[in-house]
N, C-alpha and C. Protein backbone atom coordinates (compact mmCIF):
# COMPACT_ATOMS: atom_id res chain seq x y z
N MET A 1 -27.26 -34.21 31.14
CA MET A 1 -26.02 -33.57 30.76
C MET A 1 -26.16 -33.03 29.34
N THR A 2 -25.61 -31.83 29.10
CA THR A 2 -25.68 -31.25 27.76
C THR A 2 -24.66 -31.91 26.86
N SER A 3 -24.84 -31.70 25.54
CA SER A 3 -23.92 -32.32 24.59
C SER A 3 -22.50 -31.75 24.74
N LEU A 4 -22.37 -30.44 25.11
CA LEU A 4 -21.07 -29.84 25.32
C LEU A 4 -20.36 -30.50 26.50
N ALA A 5 -21.11 -30.73 27.57
CA ALA A 5 -20.53 -31.39 28.74
C ALA A 5 -20.08 -32.80 28.40
N LEU A 6 -20.85 -33.49 27.56
CA LEU A 6 -20.46 -34.84 27.14
C LEU A 6 -19.19 -34.80 26.32
N GLU A 7 -19.07 -33.79 25.42
CA GLU A 7 -17.86 -33.66 24.62
C GLU A 7 -16.64 -33.41 25.49
N CYS A 8 -16.77 -32.52 26.50
CA CYS A 8 -15.66 -32.22 27.39
C CYS A 8 -15.29 -33.45 28.22
N GLU A 9 -16.28 -34.17 28.67
CA GLU A 9 -16.03 -35.38 29.45
C GLU A 9 -15.30 -36.41 28.59
N ASP A 10 -15.72 -36.53 27.32
CA ASP A 10 -15.06 -37.47 26.41
C ASP A 10 -13.62 -37.07 26.16
N LEU A 11 -13.35 -35.77 26.03
CA LEU A 11 -11.99 -35.30 25.79
C LEU A 11 -11.09 -35.55 26.98
N SER A 12 -11.62 -35.38 28.19
CA SER A 12 -10.80 -35.56 29.37
C SER A 12 -10.33 -37.00 29.51
N ALA A 13 -11.05 -37.91 28.95
CA ALA A 13 -10.66 -39.31 29.01
C ALA A 13 -9.45 -39.60 28.12
N THR A 14 -9.19 -38.74 27.15
CA THR A 14 -8.07 -38.97 26.23
C THR A 14 -6.76 -38.36 26.71
N ILE A 15 -6.79 -37.53 27.76
CA ILE A 15 -5.59 -36.88 28.28
C ILE A 15 -4.91 -37.83 29.27
N PRO A 16 -3.63 -38.12 29.09
CA PRO A 16 -2.93 -39.02 30.02
C PRO A 16 -2.91 -38.46 31.44
N GLU A 17 -2.88 -39.32 32.43
CA GLU A 17 -2.89 -38.90 33.84
C GLU A 17 -1.63 -38.14 34.21
N ASN A 18 -0.50 -38.49 33.60
CA ASN A 18 0.76 -37.83 33.95
C ASN A 18 1.04 -36.58 33.10
N TYR A 19 0.05 -36.09 32.38
CA TYR A 19 0.21 -34.91 31.53
C TYR A 19 0.36 -33.67 32.40
N ARG A 20 1.32 -32.81 32.04
CA ARG A 20 1.44 -31.51 32.70
C ARG A 20 1.81 -30.47 31.65
N LEU A 21 1.34 -29.29 31.83
CA LEU A 21 1.59 -28.19 30.91
C LEU A 21 3.00 -27.66 31.15
N VAL A 22 3.77 -27.55 30.11
CA VAL A 22 5.11 -26.98 30.21
C VAL A 22 5.09 -25.68 29.41
N TRP A 23 5.26 -24.59 30.08
CA TRP A 23 5.21 -23.28 29.43
C TRP A 23 6.64 -22.79 29.23
N PRO A 24 7.01 -22.39 28.01
CA PRO A 24 8.39 -21.93 27.80
C PRO A 24 8.64 -20.63 28.56
N ARG A 25 9.80 -20.51 29.13
CA ARG A 25 10.14 -19.32 29.90
C ARG A 25 10.50 -18.16 28.98
N LYS A 26 11.07 -18.47 27.82
CA LYS A 26 11.46 -17.43 26.88
C LYS A 26 10.91 -17.80 25.50
N ILE A 27 10.27 -16.85 24.88
CA ILE A 27 9.72 -17.08 23.55
C ILE A 27 10.64 -16.41 22.56
N GLU A 28 11.20 -17.19 21.66
CA GLU A 28 12.11 -16.66 20.64
C GLU A 28 11.30 -16.14 19.46
N THR A 29 11.75 -15.04 18.89
CA THR A 29 11.12 -14.51 17.69
C THR A 29 12.17 -14.43 16.59
N GLY A 30 11.70 -14.32 15.38
CA GLY A 30 12.61 -14.24 14.25
C GLY A 30 13.25 -12.87 14.13
N GLU A 31 14.22 -12.78 13.26
CA GLU A 31 14.88 -11.51 13.01
C GLU A 31 13.94 -10.57 12.26
N GLU A 32 14.20 -9.28 12.39
CA GLU A 32 13.39 -8.29 11.67
C GLU A 32 13.57 -8.49 10.17
N VAL A 33 12.46 -8.40 9.45
CA VAL A 33 12.49 -8.60 8.00
C VAL A 33 12.53 -7.24 7.33
N ASN A 34 13.52 -7.03 6.50
CA ASN A 34 13.60 -5.81 5.71
C ASN A 34 12.70 -6.01 4.49
N ALA A 35 11.68 -5.20 4.34
CA ALA A 35 10.70 -5.38 3.27
C ALA A 35 11.32 -5.28 1.88
N PHE A 36 12.50 -4.68 1.78
CA PHE A 36 13.11 -4.52 0.47
C PHE A 36 14.17 -5.57 0.15
N THR A 37 14.34 -6.56 1.03
CA THR A 37 15.33 -7.60 0.74
C THR A 37 14.74 -9.00 0.82
N ARG A 38 13.46 -9.15 0.60
CA ARG A 38 12.84 -10.47 0.60
C ARG A 38 13.40 -11.30 -0.54
N ILE A 39 13.55 -12.56 -0.31
CA ILE A 39 14.08 -13.45 -1.34
C ILE A 39 12.92 -14.11 -2.06
N GLY A 40 12.99 -14.17 -3.40
CA GLY A 40 12.00 -14.88 -4.18
C GLY A 40 10.75 -14.11 -4.53
N GLU A 41 10.62 -12.89 -4.07
CA GLU A 41 9.45 -12.09 -4.42
C GLU A 41 9.81 -10.61 -4.31
N VAL A 42 9.01 -9.79 -4.94
CA VAL A 42 9.23 -8.35 -4.86
C VAL A 42 8.33 -7.82 -3.77
N ALA A 43 8.92 -7.25 -2.71
CA ALA A 43 8.15 -6.70 -1.61
C ALA A 43 7.72 -5.28 -1.97
N LYS A 44 6.44 -4.98 -1.75
CA LYS A 44 5.93 -3.66 -2.06
C LYS A 44 5.48 -2.98 -0.77
N LEU A 45 5.93 -1.76 -0.59
CA LEU A 45 5.59 -0.96 0.58
C LEU A 45 4.48 -0.01 0.17
N ASN A 46 3.38 -0.01 0.92
CA ASN A 46 2.25 0.89 0.61
C ASN A 46 2.27 2.06 1.58
N ILE A 47 2.25 3.28 1.03
CA ILE A 47 2.23 4.47 1.88
C ILE A 47 1.09 5.39 1.44
N PRO A 48 0.48 6.10 2.39
CA PRO A 48 -0.53 7.10 2.02
C PRO A 48 0.14 8.44 1.74
N VAL A 49 -0.38 9.17 0.77
CA VAL A 49 0.17 10.49 0.42
C VAL A 49 -0.98 11.49 0.40
N TRP A 50 -0.84 12.57 1.18
CA TRP A 50 -1.86 13.61 1.25
C TRP A 50 -1.45 14.87 0.50
N GLU A 51 -0.15 15.09 0.38
CA GLU A 51 0.33 16.33 -0.24
C GLU A 51 1.40 16.01 -1.28
N ILE A 52 1.22 16.60 -2.45
CA ILE A 52 2.18 16.43 -3.54
C ILE A 52 2.86 17.78 -3.76
N PRO A 53 4.15 17.87 -3.45
CA PRO A 53 4.85 19.15 -3.64
C PRO A 53 5.12 19.42 -5.12
N ALA A 54 4.98 20.68 -5.48
CA ALA A 54 5.27 21.11 -6.86
C ALA A 54 5.94 22.48 -6.75
N LYS A 55 6.54 22.94 -7.83
CA LYS A 55 7.22 24.23 -7.81
C LYS A 55 6.23 25.35 -7.52
N GLY A 56 6.42 25.98 -6.35
CA GLY A 56 5.59 27.13 -5.99
C GLY A 56 4.17 26.81 -5.56
N ARG A 57 3.82 25.55 -5.45
CA ARG A 57 2.46 25.17 -5.04
C ARG A 57 2.47 23.74 -4.52
N SER A 58 1.34 23.34 -3.99
CA SER A 58 1.17 21.95 -3.54
C SER A 58 -0.20 21.47 -3.98
N LEU A 59 -0.29 20.19 -4.29
CA LEU A 59 -1.58 19.57 -4.53
C LEU A 59 -1.94 18.76 -3.29
N LEU A 60 -3.17 18.92 -2.83
CA LEU A 60 -3.64 18.16 -1.68
C LEU A 60 -4.57 17.05 -2.16
N ALA A 61 -4.35 15.86 -1.66
CA ALA A 61 -5.19 14.71 -2.03
C ALA A 61 -6.18 14.45 -0.92
N LYS A 62 -7.45 14.36 -1.31
CA LYS A 62 -8.51 14.09 -0.34
C LYS A 62 -9.47 13.12 -0.98
N PRO A 63 -9.49 11.87 -0.58
CA PRO A 63 -8.72 11.24 0.49
C PRO A 63 -7.28 11.01 0.04
N ALA A 64 -6.47 10.54 0.97
CA ALA A 64 -5.07 10.25 0.64
C ALA A 64 -5.01 9.20 -0.46
N ILE A 65 -4.01 9.31 -1.30
CA ILE A 65 -3.82 8.29 -2.34
C ILE A 65 -2.79 7.28 -1.84
N GLY A 66 -2.96 6.05 -2.21
CA GLY A 66 -2.01 5.01 -1.84
C GLY A 66 -0.92 4.90 -2.89
N VAL A 67 0.31 4.87 -2.46
CA VAL A 67 1.44 4.74 -3.37
C VAL A 67 2.21 3.48 -2.98
N ARG A 68 2.39 2.59 -3.95
CA ARG A 68 3.19 1.38 -3.73
C ARG A 68 4.61 1.67 -4.18
N ILE A 69 5.56 1.34 -3.30
CA ILE A 69 6.97 1.54 -3.61
C ILE A 69 7.67 0.20 -3.48
N TRP A 70 8.52 -0.10 -4.45
CA TRP A 70 9.29 -1.34 -4.36
C TRP A 70 10.61 -1.18 -5.09
N SER A 71 11.51 -2.10 -4.81
CA SER A 71 12.83 -2.09 -5.43
C SER A 71 13.01 -3.38 -6.20
N GLU A 72 13.62 -3.24 -7.37
CA GLU A 72 13.88 -4.40 -8.20
C GLU A 72 15.12 -4.13 -9.03
N GLU A 73 16.09 -5.01 -8.90
CA GLU A 73 17.34 -4.93 -9.67
C GLU A 73 18.02 -3.57 -9.55
N GLY A 74 18.03 -3.02 -8.33
CA GLY A 74 18.73 -1.77 -8.07
C GLY A 74 17.96 -0.51 -8.37
N PHE A 75 16.74 -0.61 -8.88
CA PHE A 75 15.92 0.57 -9.16
C PHE A 75 14.70 0.56 -8.24
N TYR A 76 14.19 1.75 -7.96
CA TYR A 76 12.99 1.89 -7.13
C TYR A 76 11.85 2.37 -8.01
N PHE A 77 10.65 1.91 -7.66
CA PHE A 77 9.46 2.26 -8.43
C PHE A 77 8.36 2.70 -7.47
N ALA A 78 7.54 3.65 -7.92
CA ALA A 78 6.38 4.12 -7.18
C ALA A 78 5.20 4.10 -8.14
N GLU A 79 4.05 3.62 -7.66
CA GLU A 79 2.91 3.52 -8.57
C GLU A 79 1.58 3.67 -7.84
N ASN A 80 0.59 4.08 -8.60
CA ASN A 80 -0.80 4.06 -8.18
C ASN A 80 -1.59 3.62 -9.41
N ASP A 81 -2.14 2.43 -9.35
CA ASP A 81 -2.84 1.86 -10.51
C ASP A 81 -4.12 2.59 -10.87
N GLN A 82 -4.85 3.11 -9.87
CA GLN A 82 -6.11 3.80 -10.17
C GLN A 82 -5.87 5.08 -10.96
N LEU A 83 -4.77 5.78 -10.63
CA LEU A 83 -4.45 7.01 -11.35
C LEU A 83 -3.61 6.75 -12.59
N VAL A 84 -3.16 5.52 -12.76
CA VAL A 84 -2.29 5.11 -13.87
C VAL A 84 -1.05 6.00 -13.90
N ILE A 85 -0.42 6.14 -12.72
CA ILE A 85 0.77 6.97 -12.57
C ILE A 85 1.89 6.09 -12.02
N TYR A 86 3.08 6.24 -12.62
CA TYR A 86 4.25 5.45 -12.23
C TYR A 86 5.46 6.36 -12.18
N GLY A 87 6.35 6.12 -11.23
CA GLY A 87 7.60 6.86 -11.14
C GLY A 87 8.74 5.89 -10.88
N SER A 88 9.95 6.30 -11.20
CA SER A 88 11.11 5.44 -10.97
C SER A 88 12.31 6.29 -10.61
N GLY A 89 13.31 5.65 -10.00
CA GLY A 89 14.53 6.35 -9.63
C GLY A 89 15.53 5.41 -9.00
N SER A 90 16.68 5.95 -8.65
CA SER A 90 17.72 5.11 -8.05
C SER A 90 17.59 5.03 -6.53
N SER A 91 16.58 5.72 -5.96
CA SER A 91 16.27 5.64 -4.53
C SER A 91 14.77 5.79 -4.35
N ARG A 92 14.28 5.50 -3.14
CA ARG A 92 12.85 5.69 -2.88
C ARG A 92 12.45 7.15 -3.07
N GLY A 93 13.32 8.06 -2.61
CA GLY A 93 13.05 9.49 -2.76
C GLY A 93 12.95 9.91 -4.21
N GLU A 94 13.85 9.43 -5.03
CA GLU A 94 13.81 9.76 -6.46
C GLU A 94 12.57 9.18 -7.13
N ALA A 95 12.21 7.97 -6.77
CA ALA A 95 11.01 7.36 -7.35
C ALA A 95 9.76 8.14 -6.96
N LEU A 96 9.68 8.58 -5.70
CA LEU A 96 8.54 9.39 -5.26
C LEU A 96 8.53 10.75 -5.95
N ALA A 97 9.69 11.38 -6.09
CA ALA A 97 9.77 12.68 -6.77
C ALA A 97 9.31 12.56 -8.21
N ASP A 98 9.72 11.49 -8.89
CA ASP A 98 9.30 11.26 -10.27
C ASP A 98 7.78 11.02 -10.32
N PHE A 99 7.28 10.25 -9.37
CA PHE A 99 5.84 10.00 -9.26
C PHE A 99 5.08 11.31 -9.07
N TYR A 100 5.57 12.18 -8.17
CA TYR A 100 4.93 13.47 -7.93
C TYR A 100 4.93 14.34 -9.19
N THR A 101 6.03 14.31 -9.95
CA THR A 101 6.11 15.08 -11.20
C THR A 101 5.01 14.65 -12.16
N HIS A 102 4.78 13.36 -12.26
CA HIS A 102 3.73 12.86 -13.15
C HIS A 102 2.33 13.24 -12.64
N ILE A 103 2.12 13.20 -11.33
CA ILE A 103 0.82 13.62 -10.76
C ILE A 103 0.53 15.06 -11.14
N VAL A 104 1.50 15.95 -10.93
CA VAL A 104 1.31 17.38 -11.23
C VAL A 104 1.06 17.58 -12.72
N HIS A 105 1.83 16.89 -13.54
CA HIS A 105 1.66 17.02 -15.00
C HIS A 105 0.24 16.63 -15.42
N PHE A 106 -0.22 15.47 -14.97
CA PHE A 106 -1.54 15.01 -15.40
C PHE A 106 -2.68 15.78 -14.73
N TYR A 107 -2.45 16.30 -13.54
CA TYR A 107 -3.44 17.18 -12.91
C TYR A 107 -3.66 18.40 -13.80
N ASP A 108 -2.56 19.05 -14.21
CA ASP A 108 -2.66 20.22 -15.09
C ASP A 108 -3.25 19.85 -16.45
N TYR A 109 -2.82 18.73 -16.99
CA TYR A 109 -3.29 18.29 -18.31
C TYR A 109 -4.80 18.07 -18.31
N TYR A 110 -5.32 17.30 -17.35
CA TYR A 110 -6.76 17.01 -17.33
C TYR A 110 -7.57 18.22 -16.93
N ARG A 111 -7.01 19.09 -16.10
CA ARG A 111 -7.73 20.29 -15.68
C ARG A 111 -7.97 21.23 -16.87
N ASN A 112 -7.05 21.25 -17.83
CA ASN A 112 -7.16 22.13 -18.99
C ASN A 112 -8.01 21.56 -20.12
N LEU A 113 -8.45 20.33 -19.99
CA LEU A 113 -9.31 19.73 -21.01
C LEU A 113 -10.78 19.94 -20.65
N LYS A 114 -11.60 20.16 -21.65
CA LYS A 114 -13.05 20.25 -21.44
C LYS A 114 -13.63 18.83 -21.43
N ASP A 115 -14.78 18.69 -20.80
CA ASP A 115 -15.40 17.36 -20.70
C ASP A 115 -15.64 16.74 -22.07
N GLY A 116 -15.98 17.53 -23.07
CA GLY A 116 -16.25 17.01 -24.40
C GLY A 116 -15.00 16.56 -25.15
N GLN A 117 -13.83 16.85 -24.60
CA GLN A 117 -12.58 16.48 -25.26
C GLN A 117 -12.04 15.12 -24.83
N VAL A 118 -12.69 14.50 -23.88
CA VAL A 118 -12.20 13.20 -23.37
C VAL A 118 -13.31 12.15 -23.39
N ILE A 119 -12.91 10.92 -23.62
CA ILE A 119 -13.85 9.80 -23.57
C ILE A 119 -13.14 8.62 -22.89
N GLY A 120 -13.91 7.64 -22.48
CA GLY A 120 -13.36 6.40 -21.94
C GLY A 120 -12.48 6.61 -20.72
N GLU A 121 -11.30 6.00 -20.77
CA GLU A 121 -10.36 6.06 -19.65
C GLU A 121 -9.93 7.49 -19.34
N ALA A 122 -9.76 8.30 -20.36
CA ALA A 122 -9.36 9.70 -20.14
C ALA A 122 -10.45 10.46 -19.39
N ALA A 123 -11.72 10.18 -19.70
CA ALA A 123 -12.83 10.82 -18.98
C ALA A 123 -12.82 10.39 -17.51
N ARG A 124 -12.56 9.11 -17.27
CA ARG A 124 -12.49 8.60 -15.89
C ARG A 124 -11.36 9.28 -15.13
N LEU A 125 -10.20 9.39 -15.77
CA LEU A 125 -9.05 10.01 -15.10
C LEU A 125 -9.25 11.50 -14.88
N LYS A 126 -9.86 12.19 -15.84
CA LYS A 126 -10.14 13.63 -15.67
C LYS A 126 -11.04 13.84 -14.46
N HIS A 127 -12.09 13.02 -14.35
CA HIS A 127 -13.00 13.12 -13.21
C HIS A 127 -12.28 12.79 -11.90
N LEU A 128 -11.48 11.72 -11.91
CA LEU A 128 -10.76 11.29 -10.71
C LEU A 128 -9.78 12.36 -10.23
N PHE A 129 -8.98 12.92 -11.15
CA PHE A 129 -8.03 13.97 -10.77
C PHE A 129 -8.74 15.20 -10.23
N SER A 130 -9.88 15.57 -10.80
CA SER A 130 -10.59 16.76 -10.32
C SER A 130 -11.26 16.51 -8.97
N GLU A 131 -11.65 15.27 -8.70
CA GLU A 131 -12.29 14.94 -7.42
C GLU A 131 -11.28 14.78 -6.29
N VAL A 132 -10.14 14.19 -6.58
CA VAL A 132 -9.16 13.85 -5.54
C VAL A 132 -8.24 15.02 -5.18
N PHE A 133 -7.80 15.80 -6.17
CA PHE A 133 -6.77 16.81 -5.93
C PHE A 133 -7.33 18.22 -5.94
N THR A 134 -6.80 19.03 -5.01
CA THR A 134 -7.06 20.46 -4.99
C THR A 134 -5.72 21.17 -4.84
N GLU A 135 -5.67 22.40 -5.36
CA GLU A 135 -4.43 23.16 -5.29
C GLU A 135 -4.40 24.00 -4.04
N GLU A 136 -3.25 24.06 -3.43
CA GLU A 136 -3.10 24.91 -2.23
C GLU A 136 -2.31 26.14 -2.58
């Protein structure tokens, strides 16, 4: 007999003779959780963004950038830590619009700088903005 067979045989000796499986007829689930009303923590919603609208143009992100949105004390916030961009507003839409305004501003700002004009974090961000975003 193999060791697995011995283990199964040993286990069967521990099951009472009058044991029977009782399967519940109805499985209850919890109520739907609203990600913005969690108690004791700040819930953050992550969304992908491919297009950033701007006046008379659009910026396309390739690949999509992740934007975290959350609510705290009646205000909404949108952020992307890699781009060091943050937006805020009194609704999710306002926070995203503010976030988009900052994306467009820094896209234009870094695009107009020459490589020799930036060092450190600014050089990283200039490269990142030029690699990720294109104008449509």
